[in-house]
C-alpha atoms as a PDB file:
ATOM      1  CA  MET A   1      -1.868   1.041  -0.830  1.00  0.00           C
ATOM      2  CA  PHE A   2       0.796   1.528  -3.998  1.00  0.00           C
ATOM      3  CA  ASP A   3       3.260  -0.588  -1.626  1.00  0.00           C
ATOM      4  CA  VAL A   4       0.104  -3.594  -1.711  1.00  0.00           C
ATOM      5  CA  ALA A   5      -0.402  -2.857  -5.396  1.00  0.00           C
ATOM      6  CA  ILE A   6       3.205  -3.594  -6.134  1.00  0.00           C
ATOM      7  CA  MET A   7       4.010  -6.514  -3.685  1.00  0.00           C
ATOM      8  CA  ALA A   8       0.893  -7.743  -4.824  1.00  0.00           C
ATOM      9  CA  THR A   9       1.030  -7.887  -8.588  1.00  0.00           C
ATOM     10  CA  GLY A  10       3.802  -5.524  -9.580  1.00  0.00           C
ATOM     11  CA  THR A  11       1.794  -3.466 -11.049  1.00  0.00           C
ATOM     12  CA  ILE A  12       0.383   0.495 -10.231  1.00  0.00           C
ATOM     13  CA  GLU A  13      -2.548   0.035 -11.981  1.00  0.00           C
ATOM     14  CA  SER A  14      -3.579  -2.780  -9.629  1.00  0.00           C
ATOM     15  CA  MET A  15      -4.291  -1.065  -7.193  1.00  0.00           C
ATOM     16  CA  PHE A  16      -8.047   0.003  -8.475  1.00  0.00           C
ATOM     17  CA  ASP A  17      -8.607  -3.270  -9.008  1.00  0.00           C
ATOM     18  CA  ILE A  18      -7.462  -4.573  -5.493  1.00  0.00           C
ATOM     19  CA  LEU A  19      -9.210  -1.686  -3.559  1.00  0.00           C
ATOM     20  CA  ALA A  20     -12.800  -2.665  -5.089  1.00  0.00           C
ATOM     21  CA  ALA A  21     -12.509  -6.796  -5.243  1.00  0.00           C
ATOM     22  CA  ASN A  22     -11.932  -5.804  -1.425  1.00  0.00           C
ATOM     23  CA  ASN A  23     -14.588  -2.793  -0.785  1.00  0.00           C
ATOM     24  CA  LYS A  24     -11.892   0.031   0.005  1.00  0.00           C
ATOM     25  CA  SER A  25     -11.665   3.428  -0.681  1.00  0.00           C
ATOM     26  CA  ILE A  26      -7.947   4.944  -2.700  1.00  0.00           C
ATOM     27  CA  THR A  27      -7.944   7.132   0.774  1.00  0.00           C
ATOM     28  CA  ASP A  28      -8.432   4.072   3.386  1.00  0.00           C
ATOM     29  CA  ILE A  29      -4.769   3.355   4.530  1.00  0.00           C
ATOM     30  CA  PRO A  30      -3.597  -0.188   5.284  1.00  0.00           C
ATOM     31  CA  HIS A  31      -2.020  -1.560   7.465  1.00  0.00           C
ATOM     32  CA  ASN A  32       0.209  -4.198   9.264  1.00  0.00           C
ATOM     33  CA  ASN A  33      -1.201  -7.756   9.026  1.00  0.00           C
ATOM     34  CA  ASP A  34      -3.794  -6.435   6.806  1.00  0.00           C
ATOM     35  CA  VAL A  35      -4.980  -9.034   4.097  1.00  0.00           C
ATOM     36  CA  TYR A  36      -6.455  -8.503   0.507  1.00  0.00           C
ATOM     37  CA  LYS A  37      -8.308 -10.127  -1.654  1.00  0.00           C
ATOM     38  CA  VAL A  38      -6.340  -9.852  -5.276  1.00  0.00           C
ATOM     39  CA  PRO A  39      -8.969 -10.565  -8.693  1.00  0.00           C
ATOM     40  CA  ALA A  40      -7.250 -13.012 -11.288  1.00  0.00           C
ATOM     41  CA  THR A  41      -7.949  -9.727 -13.394  1.00  0.00           C
ATOM     42  CA  ALA A  42      -5.855  -7.377 -11.775  1.00  0.00           C
ATOM     43  CA  ALA A  43      -3.171  -5.987 -14.139  1.00  0.00           C
ATOM     44  CA  THR A  44       0.115  -8.155 -13.143  1.00  0.00           C
ATOM     45  CA  ASP A  45       4.078  -6.901 -14.108  1.00  0.00           C
ATOM     46  CA  PRO A  46       6.047 -10.926 -13.774  1.00  0.00           C
ATOM     47  CA  ASP A  47       9.020  -8.493 -14.643  1.00  0.00           C
ATOM     48  CA  THR A  48       9.082  -6.613 -11.351  1.00  0.00           C
ATOM     49  CA  LEU A  49       7.738  -9.223  -9.182  1.00  0.00           C
ATOM     50  CA  ALA A  50      10.897 -11.393 -10.247  1.00  0.00           C
ATOM     51  CA  MET A  51      13.074  -8.293  -9.695  1.00  0.00           C
ATOM     52  CA  LEU A  52      11.186  -7.185  -5.738  1.00  0.00           C
ATOM     53  CA  ALA A  53      11.782 -11.195  -5.423  1.00  0.00           C
ATOM     54  CA  GLU A  54      15.602 -11.198  -6.221  1.00  0.00           C
ATOM     55  CA  LEU A  55      16.084  -7.701  -3.921  1.00  0.00           C
ATOM     56  CA  GLY A  56      14.162  -9.758  -0.993  1.00  0.00           C
ATOM     57  CA  PHE A  57      10.550  -8.149  -1.172  1.00  0.00           C
ATOM     58  CA  GLY A  58       7.688 -10.806  -1.937  1.00  0.00           C
ATOM     59  CA  THR A  59       4.379 -11.610  -0.614  1.00  0.00           C
ATOM     60  CA  GLY A  60       5.909 -14.797   1.071  1.00  0.00           C
ATOM     61  CA  THR A  61       6.447 -16.151   4.754  1.00  0.00           C
ATOM     62  CA  GLY A  62      10.465 -14.264   6.256  1.00  0.00           C
ATOM     63  CA  GLN A  63      10.551 -12.344   2.529  1.00  0.00           C
ATOM     64  CA  GLN A  64      10.852  -8.223   3.313  1.00  0.00           C
ATOM     65  CA  LYS A  65       7.570  -6.004   2.920  1.00  0.00           C
ATOM     66  CA  LEU A  66       6.844  -2.832   1.385  1.00  0.00           C
ATOM     67  CA  ALA A  67       5.603  -0.576   3.350  1.00  0.00           C
ATOM     68  CA  THR A  68       6.647   3.253   2.522  1.00  0.00           C
ATOM     69  CA  GLY A  69       3.811   4.790   4.472  1.00  0.00           C
ATOM     70  CA  ASP A  70       3.800   2.039   7.934  1.00  0.00           C
ATOM     71  CA  ASP A  71       5.180   4.815  10.181  1.00  0.00           C
ATOM     72  CA  PRO A  72       2.542   7.459  12.015  1.00  0.00           C
ATOM     73  CA  THR A  73       5.542   9.346  13.375  1.00  0.00           C
ATOM     74  CA  LEU A  74       5.410  10.369   9.040  1.00  0.00           C
ATOM     75  CA  TYR A  75       1.181  10.647   9.027  1.00  0.00           C
ATOM     76  CA  ILE A  76       0.801  14.278   8.076  1.00  0.00           C
ATOM     77  CA  GLY A  77      -1.574  16.456   6.738  1.00  0.00           C
ATOM     78  CA  ILE A  78      -5.214  18.118   7.345  1.00  0.00           C
ATOM     79  CA  SER A  79      -6.465  14.360   8.954  1.00  0.00           C
ATOM     80  CA  TYR A  80      -3.487  14.394  11.443  1.00  0.00           C
ATOM     81  CA  TRP A  81      -3.616  17.643  12.633  1.00  0.00           C
ATOM     82  CA  GLN A  82      -5.052  19.742  15.054  1.00  0.00           C
ATOM     83  CA  VAL A  83      -5.657  23.338  15.009  1.00  0.00           C
ATOM     84  CA  GLY A  84      -3.843  25.706  17.144  1.00  0.00           C
ATOM     85  CA  VAL A  85      -1.571  22.483  17.465  1.00  0.00           C
ATOM     86  CA  ASP A  86       0.124  21.406  14.370  1.00  0.00           C
ATOM     87  CA  PHE A  87      -2.114  23.679  11.918  1.00  0.00           C
ATOM     88  CA  LYS A  88      -2.168  27.411  12.349  1.00  0.00           C
ATOM     89  CA  VAL A  89      -4.606  29.406  11.822  1.00  0.00           C
ATOM     90  CA  SER A  90      -4.499  33.105  11.682  1.00  0.00           C
END
């Protein structure tokens, strides 16, 4: 969700406003093509948005998207491990 917040507003702080506006939890994992409403009251940072646009990142068609967690092979932790396979109990 950090990626969604940064792409939409340029701030991490806006993540909680975006989650609330979309009835989502901080533990929900966003997926490609999910659409989120960004409330007008969400904090924004025009300088960060301008820097991202200069680097070719943005929310428009054809622009790169931030997706730091969009690789299922990177999903690790208790939620994904299987007892006796990835998660060893001794």
